[in-house]
Amino acid sequence: MKIQKEKQQGWSWSAFILGPFWYIAHGLILRGLFLILITIVTIGFGLPVIWVYCGIRANSDYFENQLKSHSKYSPSKIDE
């Protein structure tokens, strides 16, 4: 799987609209569940902040997750 560097930054409308469910759909389950938990604890008052956070950070969070998952199986790490 090729990682797209141009998608590592910027606003994500789909993440803004879907919020924490975007994270869950893209394999960032713990972060998505944590964001849902924050929304529940704040009785929904935190939802606008969560939406904006998701719109701003989703692409970079996904990119970092992809880098971590690919670096686990890197041939250079086998020798270490």
PDB file of N, CA and C in Angstrom:
ATOM      1  N   MET A   1       0.839  -1.181   0.000  1.00  0.00           N
ATOM      2  CA  MET A   1       0.000   0.000   0.000  1.00  0.00           C
ATOM      3  C   MET A   1       0.880   1.237   0.000  1.00  0.00           C
ATOM      4  N   LYS A   2       0.626   2.116  -0.935  1.00  0.00           N
ATOM      5  CA  LYS A   2       1.423   3.324  -1.059  1.00  0.00           C
ATOM      6  C   LYS A   2       0.814   4.435  -0.206  1.00  0.00           C
ATOM      7  N   ILE A   3       1.636   5.103   0.575  1.00  0.00           N
ATOM      8  CA  ILE A   3       1.188   6.194   1.431  1.00  0.00           C
ATOM      9  C   ILE A   3       1.271   7.490   0.643  1.00  0.00           C
ATOM     10  N   GLN A   4       0.178   8.239   0.627  1.00  0.00           N
ATOM     11  CA  GLN A   4       0.139   9.492  -0.109  1.00  0.00           C
ATOM     12  C   GLN A   4       0.578  10.641   0.789  1.00  0.00           C
ATOM     13  N   LYS A   5       1.711  11.244   0.467  1.00  0.00           N
ATOM     14  CA  LYS A   5       2.240  12.323   1.294  1.00  0.00           C
ATOM     15  C   LYS A   5       1.398  13.590   1.183  1.00  0.00           C
ATOM     16  N   GLU A   6       0.757  13.809   0.033  1.00  0.00           N
ATOM     17  CA  GLU A   6      -0.007  15.033  -0.131  1.00  0.00           C
ATOM     18  C   GLU A   6      -1.280  15.052   0.715  1.00  0.00           C
ATOM     19  N   LYS A   7      -1.704  13.920   1.244  1.00  0.00           N
ATOM     20  CA  LYS A   7      -2.906  13.849   2.060  1.00  0.00           C
ATOM     21  C   LYS A   7      -2.601  13.912   3.553  1.00  0.00           C
ATOM     22  N   GLN A   8      -1.374  14.202   3.929  1.00  0.00           N
ATOM     23  CA  GLN A   8      -1.024  14.189   5.343  1.00  0.00           C
ATOM     24  C   GLN A   8      -1.416  15.466   6.076  1.00  0.00           C
ATOM     25  N   GLN A   9      -1.835  16.483   5.346  1.00  0.00           N
ATOM     26  CA  GLN A   9      -2.206  17.735   5.987  1.00  0.00           C
ATOM     27  C   GLN A   9      -3.487  18.268   5.367  1.00  0.00           C
ATOM     28  N   GLY A  10      -4.054  19.261   6.008  1.00  0.00           N
ATOM     29  CA  GLY A  10      -5.199  19.952   5.437  1.00  0.00           C
ATOM     30  C   GLY A  10      -6.521  19.554   6.053  1.00  0.00           C
ATOM     31  N   TRP A  11      -7.543  20.257   5.634  1.00  0.00           N
ATOM     32  CA  TRP A  11      -8.893  20.083   6.143  1.00  0.00           C
ATOM     33  C   TRP A  11      -9.534  18.860   5.500  1.00  0.00           C
ATOM     34  N   SER A  12     -10.264  18.090   6.286  1.00  0.00           N
ATOM     35  CA  SER A  12     -10.993  16.927   5.786  1.00  0.00           C
ATOM     36  C   SER A  12     -12.483  17.132   6.040  1.00  0.00           C
ATOM     37  N   TRP A  13     -13.221  17.392   4.978  1.00  0.00           N
ATOM     38  CA  TRP A  13     -14.659  17.597   5.121  1.00  0.00           C
ATOM     39  C   TRP A  13     -15.364  16.332   5.577  1.00  0.00           C
ATOM     40  N   SER A  14     -14.929  15.186   5.075  1.00  0.00           N
ATOM     41  CA  SER A  14     -15.591  13.943   5.479  1.00  0.00           C
ATOM     42  C   SER A  14     -15.376  13.666   6.964  1.00  0.00           C
ATOM     43  N   ALA A  15     -14.191  13.950   7.472  1.00  0.00           N
ATOM     44  CA  ALA A  15     -13.936  13.761   8.904  1.00  0.00           C
ATOM     45  C   ALA A  15     -14.696  14.790   9.731  1.00  0.00           C
ATOM     46  N   PHE A  16     -14.834  15.993   9.206  1.00  0.00           N
ATOM     47  CA  PHE A  16     -15.594  17.022   9.910  1.00  0.00           C
ATOM     48  C   PHE A  16     -17.056  16.615  10.042  1.00  0.00           C
ATOM     49  N   ILE A  17     -17.626  16.082   8.970  1.00  0.00           N
ATOM     50  CA  ILE A  17     -19.038  15.697   8.976  1.00  0.00           C
ATOM     51  C   ILE A  17     -19.278  14.444   9.808  1.00  0.00           C
ATOM     52  N   LEU A  18     -18.415  13.449   9.666  1.00  0.00           N
ATOM     53  CA  LEU A  18     -18.608  12.176  10.365  1.00  0.00           C
ATOM     54  C   LEU A  18     -18.032  12.169  11.779  1.00  0.00           C
ATOM     55  N   GLY A  19     -17.110  13.064  12.055  1.00  0.00           N
ATOM     56  CA  GLY A  19     -16.523  13.155  13.392  1.00  0.00           C
ATOM     57  C   GLY A  19     -15.783  11.888  13.788  1.00  0.00           C
ATOM     58  N   PRO A  20     -16.018  11.409  14.991  1.00  0.00           N
ATOM     59  CA  PRO A  20     -15.307  10.222  15.487  1.00  0.00           C
ATOM     60  C   PRO A  20     -15.547   8.960  14.654  1.00  0.00           C
ATOM     61  N   PHE A  21     -16.679   8.910  13.962  1.00  0.00           N
ATOM     62  CA  PHE A  21     -16.974   7.723  13.150  1.00  0.00           C
ATOM     63  C   PHE A  21     -16.043   7.618  11.945  1.00  0.00           C
ATOM     64  N   TRP A  22     -15.502   8.747  11.485  1.00  0.00           N
ATOM     65  CA  TRP A  22     -14.499   8.725  10.426  1.00  0.00           C
ATOM     66  C   TRP A  22     -13.253   7.995  10.919  1.00  0.00           C
ATOM     67  N   TYR A  23     -12.855   8.293  12.152  1.00  0.00           N
ATOM     68  CA  TYR A  23     -11.682   7.642  12.738  1.00  0.00           C
ATOM     69  C   TYR A  23     -11.897   6.132  12.833  1.00  0.00           C
ATOM     70  N   ILE A  24     -13.059   5.723  13.283  1.00  0.00           N
ATOM     71  CA  ILE A  24     -13.351   4.294  13.413  1.00  0.00           C
ATOM     72  C   ILE A  24     -13.350   3.629  12.044  1.00  0.00           C
ATOM     73  N   ALA A  25     -13.936   4.277  11.048  1.00  0.00           N
ATOM     74  CA  ALA A  25     -13.996   3.716   9.698  1.00  0.00           C
ATOM     75  C   ALA A  25     -12.610   3.591   9.062  1.00  0.00           C
ATOM     76  N   HIS A  26     -11.676   4.415   9.477  1.00  0.00           N
ATOM     77  CA  HIS A  26     -10.323   4.368   8.911  1.00  0.00           C
ATOM     78  C   HIS A  26      -9.330   3.612   9.795  1.00  0.00           C
ATOM     79  N   GLY A  27      -9.826   2.850  10.739  1.00  0.00           N
ATOM     80  CA  GLY A  27      -8.962   1.990  11.537  1.00  0.00           C
ATOM     81  C   GLY A  27      -8.350   2.625  12.765  1.00  0.00           C
ATOM     82  N   LEU A  28      -8.722   3.851  13.080  1.00  0.00           N
ATOM     83  CA  LEU A  28      -8.221   4.525  14.276  1.00  0.00           C
ATOM     84  C   LEU A  28      -9.282   4.377  15.366  1.00  0.00           C
ATOM     85  N   ILE A  29      -9.514   3.155  15.745  1.00  0.00           N
ATOM     86  CA  ILE A  29     -10.643   2.808  16.605  1.00  0.00           C
ATOM     87  C   ILE A  29     -10.511   3.411  17.999  1.00  0.00           C
ATOM     88  N   LEU A  30      -9.363   3.293  18.616  1.00  0.00           N
ATOM     89  CA  LEU A  30      -9.207   3.831  19.968  1.00  0.00           C
ATOM     90  C   LEU A  30      -9.405   5.343  20.014  1.00  0.00           C
ATOM     91  N   ARG A  31      -8.851   6.040  19.058  1.00  0.00           N
ATOM     92  CA  ARG A  31      -9.013   7.496  19.031  1.00  0.00           C
ATOM     93  C   ARG A  31     -10.477   7.860  18.780  1.00  0.00           C
ATOM     94  N   GLY A  32     -11.136   7.140  17.879  1.00  0.00           N
ATOM     95  CA  GLY A  32     -12.547   7.394  17.616  1.00  0.00           C
ATOM     96  C   GLY A  32     -13.402   7.149  18.845  1.00  0.00           C
ATOM     97  N   LEU A  33     -13.136   6.056  19.541  1.00  0.00           N
ATOM     98  CA  LEU A  33     -13.893   5.769  20.761  1.00  0.00           C
ATOM     99  C   LEU A  33     -13.624   6.803  21.849  1.00  0.00           C
ATOM    100  N   PHE A  34     -12.388   7.272  21.930  1.00  0.00           N
ATOM    101  CA  PHE A  34     -12.049   8.311  22.902  1.00  0.00           C
ATOM    102  C   PHE A  34     -12.803   9.598  22.599  1.00  0.00           C
ATOM    103  N   LEU A  35     -12.903   9.955  21.334  1.00  0.00           N
ATOM    104  CA  LEU A  35     -13.633  11.169  20.961  1.00  0.00           C
ATOM    105  C   LEU A  35     -15.128  11.022  21.246  1.00  0.00           C
ATOM    106  N   ILE A  36     -15.672   9.825  21.032  1.00  0.00           N
ATOM    107  CA  ILE A  36     -17.067   9.575  21.385  1.00  0.00           C
ATOM    108  C   ILE A  36     -17.254   9.681  22.892  1.00  0.00           C
ATOM    109  N   LEU A  37     -16.315   9.152  23.648  1.00  0.00           N
ATOM    110  CA  LEU A  37     -16.379   9.236  25.107  1.00  0.00           C
ATOM    111  C   LEU A  37     -16.374  10.689  25.579  1.00  0.00           C
ATOM    112  N   ILE A  38     -15.537  11.511  24.976  1.00  0.00           N
ATOM    113  CA  ILE A  38     -15.503  12.936  25.333  1.00  0.00           C
ATOM    114  C   ILE A  38     -16.861  13.571  25.055  1.00  0.00           C
ATOM    115  N   THR A  39     -17.466  13.221  23.929  1.00  0.00           N
ATOM    116  CA  THR A  39     -18.776  13.771  23.582  1.00  0.00           C
ATOM    117  C   THR A  39     -19.827  13.354  24.600  1.00  0.00           C
ATOM    118  N   ILE A  40     -19.784  12.099  25.035  1.00  0.00           N
ATOM    119  CA  ILE A  40     -20.753  11.606  26.014  1.00  0.00           C
ATOM    120  C   ILE A  40     -20.548  12.268  27.373  1.00  0.00           C
ATOM    121  N   VAL A  41     -19.294  12.380  27.793  1.00  0.00           N
ATOM    122  CA  VAL A  41     -18.992  12.963  29.105  1.00  0.00           C
ATOM    123  C   VAL A  41     -19.413  14.427  29.164  1.00  0.00           C
ATOM    124  N   THR A  42     -19.254  15.137  28.053  1.00  0.00           N
ATOM    125  CA  THR A  42     -19.632  16.560  28.040  1.00  0.00           C
ATOM    126  C   THR A  42     -21.104  16.753  27.672  1.00  0.00           C
ATOM    127  N   ILE A  43     -21.854  15.676  27.627  1.00  0.00           N
ATOM    128  CA  ILE A  43     -23.290  15.687  27.323  1.00  0.00           C
ATOM    129  C   ILE A  43     -23.566  16.396  25.997  1.00  0.00           C
ATOM    130  N   GLY A  44     -22.696  16.192  25.039  1.00  0.00           N
ATOM    131  CA  GLY A  44     -22.881  16.750  23.706  1.00  0.00           C
ATOM    132  C   GLY A  44     -22.342  18.150  23.504  1.00  0.00           C
ATOM    133  N   PHE A  45     -21.992  18.841  24.589  1.00  0.00           N
ATOM    134  CA  PHE A  45     -21.476  20.207  24.447  1.00  0.00           C
ATOM    135  C   PHE A  45     -20.094  20.228  23.788  1.00  0.00           C
ATOM    136  N   GLY A  46     -19.363  19.140  23.879  1.00  0.00           N
ATOM    137  CA  GLY A  46     -18.047  19.064  23.263  1.00  0.00           C
ATOM    138  C   GLY A  46     -18.085  18.703  21.790  1.00  0.00           C
ATOM    139  N   LEU A  47     -19.260  18.391  21.270  1.00  0.00           N
ATOM    140  CA  LEU A  47     -19.366  17.930  19.890  1.00  0.00           C
ATOM    141  C   LEU A  47     -18.860  18.940  18.858  1.00  0.00           C
ATOM    142  N   PRO A  48     -19.182  20.224  18.950  1.00  0.00           N
ATOM    143  CA  PRO A  48     -18.623  21.167  17.965  1.00  0.00           C
ATOM    144  C   PRO A  48     -17.094  21.202  17.980  1.00  0.00           C
ATOM    145  N   VAL A  49     -16.515  21.110  19.153  1.00  0.00           N
ATOM    146  CA  VAL A  49     -15.048  21.095  19.254  1.00  0.00           C
ATOM    147  C   VAL A  49     -14.499  19.809  18.641  1.00  0.00           C
ATOM    148  N   ILE A  50     -15.169  18.694  18.877  1.00  0.00           N
ATOM    149  CA  ILE A  50     -14.746  17.406  18.307  1.00  0.00           C
ATOM    150  C   ILE A  50     -14.830  17.453  16.796  1.00  0.00           C
ATOM    151  N   TRP A  51     -15.892  18.022  16.242  1.00  0.00           N
ATOM    152  CA  TRP A  51     -16.030  18.129  14.785  1.00  0.00           C
ATOM    153  C   TRP A  51     -14.879  18.924  14.179  1.00  0.00           C
ATOM    154  N   VAL A  52     -14.563  20.063  14.783  1.00  0.00           N
ATOM    155  CA  VAL A  52     -13.472  20.890  14.262  1.00  0.00           C
ATOM    156  C   VAL A  52     -12.138  20.150  14.396  1.00  0.00           C
ATOM    157  N   TYR A  53     -11.914  19.514  15.539  1.00  0.00           N
ATOM    158  CA  TYR A  53     -10.681  18.728  15.736  1.00  0.00           C
ATOM    159  C   TYR A  53     -10.556  17.668  14.647  1.00  0.00           C
ATOM    160  N   CYS A  54     -11.644  16.945  14.397  1.00  0.00           N
ATOM    161  CA  CYS A  54     -11.611  15.886  13.385  1.00  0.00           C
ATOM    162  C   CYS A  54     -11.314  16.462  12.003  1.00  0.00           C
ATOM    163  N   GLY A  55     -11.908  17.576  11.673  1.00  0.00           N
ATOM    164  CA  GLY A  55     -11.652  18.193  10.377  1.00  0.00           C
ATOM    165  C   GLY A  55     -10.213  18.619  10.201  1.00  0.00           C
ATOM    166  N   ILE A  56      -9.621  19.130  11.254  1.00  0.00           N
ATOM    167  CA  ILE A  56      -8.244  19.629  11.182  1.00  0.00           C
ATOM    168  C   ILE A  56      -7.230  18.486  11.252  1.00  0.00           C
ATOM    169  N   ARG A  57      -7.400  17.544  12.172  1.00  0.00           N
ATOM    170  CA  ARG A  57      -6.369  16.554  12.475  1.00  0.00           C
ATOM    171  C   ARG A  57      -6.513  15.210  11.784  1.00  0.00           C
ATOM    172  N   ALA A  58      -7.648  14.925  11.161  1.00  0.00           N
ATOM    173  CA  ALA A  58      -7.896  13.574  10.660  1.00  0.00           C
ATOM    174  C   ALA A  58      -6.847  13.098   9.663  1.00  0.00           C
ATOM    175  N   ASN A  59      -6.521  13.922   8.678  1.00  0.00           N
ATOM    176  CA  ASN A  59      -5.545  13.491   7.670  1.00  0.00           C
ATOM    177  C   ASN A  59      -4.181  13.208   8.278  1.00  0.00           C
ATOM    178  N   SER A  60      -3.711  14.068   9.152  1.00  0.00           N
ATOM    179  CA  SER A  60      -2.388  13.847   9.738  1.00  0.00           C
ATOM    180  C   SER A  60      -2.402  12.665  10.706  1.00  0.00           C
ATOM    181  N   ASP A  61      -3.506  12.471  11.452  1.00  0.00           N
ATOM    182  CA  ASP A  61      -3.594  11.311  12.342  1.00  0.00           C
ATOM    183  C   ASP A  61      -3.579  10.012  11.538  1.00  0.00           C
ATOM    184  N   TYR A  62      -4.306   9.988  10.442  1.00  0.00           N
ATOM    185  CA  TYR A  62      -4.343   8.806   9.592  1.00  0.00           C
ATOM    186  C   TYR A  62      -2.969   8.543   8.980  1.00  0.00           C
ATOM    187  N   PHE A  63      -2.305   9.600   8.508  1.00  0.00           N
ATOM    188  CA  PHE A  63      -0.975   9.455   7.914  1.00  0.00           C
ATOM    189  C   PHE A  63       0.027   8.912   8.932  1.00  0.00           C
ATOM    190  N   GLU A  64      -0.012   9.441  10.157  1.00  0.00           N
ATOM    191  CA  GLU A  64       0.897   8.950  11.206  1.00  0.00           C
ATOM    192  C   GLU A  64       0.614   7.490  11.538  1.00  0.00           C
ATOM    193  N   ASN A  65      -0.644   7.111  11.559  1.00  0.00           N
ATOM    194  CA  ASN A  65      -1.008   5.725  11.825  1.00  0.00           C
ATOM    195  C   ASN A  65      -0.487   4.802  10.725  1.00  0.00           C
ATOM    196  N   GLN A  66      -0.588   5.248   9.485  1.00  0.00           N
ATOM    197  CA  GLN A  66      -0.083   4.448   8.369  1.00  0.00           C
ATOM    198  C   GLN A  66       1.436   4.303   8.438  1.00  0.00           C
ATOM    199  N   LEU A  67       2.128   5.364   8.798  1.00  0.00           N
ATOM    200  CA  LEU A  67       3.584   5.280   8.935  1.00  0.00           C
ATOM    201  C   LEU A  67       3.976   4.294  10.030  1.00  0.00           C
ATOM    202  N   LYS A  68       3.262   4.338  11.151  1.00  0.00           N
ATOM    203  CA  LYS A  68       3.567   3.418  12.248  1.00  0.00           C
ATOM    204  C   LYS A  68       3.300   1.974  11.845  1.00  0.00           C
ATOM    205  N   SER A  69       2.206   1.733  11.156  1.00  0.00           N
ATOM    206  CA  SER A  69       1.878   0.355  10.789  1.00  0.00           C
ATOM    207  C   SER A  69       2.850  -0.191   9.747  1.00  0.00           C
ATOM    208  N   HIS A  70       3.340   0.663   8.859  1.00  0.00           N
ATOM    209  CA  HIS A  70       4.307   0.193   7.862  1.00  0.00           C
ATOM    210  C   HIS A  70       5.708   0.054   8.444  1.00  0.00           C
ATOM    211  N   SER A  71       6.053   0.849   9.427  1.00  0.00           N
ATOM    212  CA  SER A  71       7.405   0.768   9.987  1.00  0.00           C
ATOM    213  C   SER A  71       7.567  -0.446  10.896  1.00  0.00           C
ATOM    214  N   LYS A  72       6.495  -1.032  11.383  1.00  0.00           N
ATOM    215  CA  LYS A  72       6.592  -2.219  12.228  1.00  0.00           C
ATOM    216  C   LYS A  72       7.209  -3.382  11.479  1.00  0.00           C
ATOM    217  N   TYR A  73       6.936  -3.460  10.192  1.00  0.00           N
ATOM    218  CA  TYR A  73       7.382  -4.593   9.394  1.00  0.00           C
ATOM    219  C   TYR A  73       8.485  -4.217   8.416  1.00  0.00           C
ATOM    220  N   SER A  74       9.160  -3.141   8.700  1.00  0.00           N
ATOM    221  CA  SER A  74      10.234  -2.693   7.831  1.00  0.00           C
ATOM    222  C   SER A  74      11.408  -3.674   7.897  1.00  0.00           C
ATOM    223  N   PRO A  75      11.998  -4.000   6.751  1.00  0.00           N
ATOM    224  CA  PRO A  75      13.138  -4.920   6.767  1.00  0.00           C
ATOM    225  C   PRO A  75      14.315  -4.411   7.590  1.00  0.00           C
ATOM    226  N   SER A  76      14.477  -3.110   7.704  1.00  0.00           N
ATOM    227  CA  SER A  76      15.583  -2.571   8.491  1.00  0.00           C
ATOM    228  C   SER A  76      15.389  -2.830   9.987  1.00  0.00           C
ATOM    229  N   LYS A  77      14.153  -3.037  10.423  1.00  0.00           N
ATOM    230  CA  LYS A  77      13.903  -3.303  11.842  1.00  0.00           C
ATOM    231  C   LYS A  77      14.155  -4.752  12.225  1.00  0.00           C
ATOM    232  N   ILE A  78      14.250  -5.636  11.252  1.00  0.00           N
ATOM    233  CA  ILE A  78      14.481  -7.047  11.533  1.00  0.00           C
ATOM    234  C   ILE A  78      15.867  -7.264  12.149  1.00  0.00           C
ATOM    235  N   ASP A  79      16.849  -6.506  11.693  1.00  0.00           N
ATOM    236  CA  ASP A  79      18.213  -6.671  12.176  1.00  0.00           C
ATOM    237  C   ASP A  79      18.417  -6.115  13.580  1.00  0.00           C
ATOM    238  N   GLU A  80      17.515  -5.271  14.026  1.00  0.00           N
ATOM    239  CA  GLU A  80      17.706  -4.640  15.343  1.00  0.00           C
ATOM    240  C   GLU A  80      17.366  -5.577  16.466  1.00  0.00           C
TER     241      GLU A  80
END
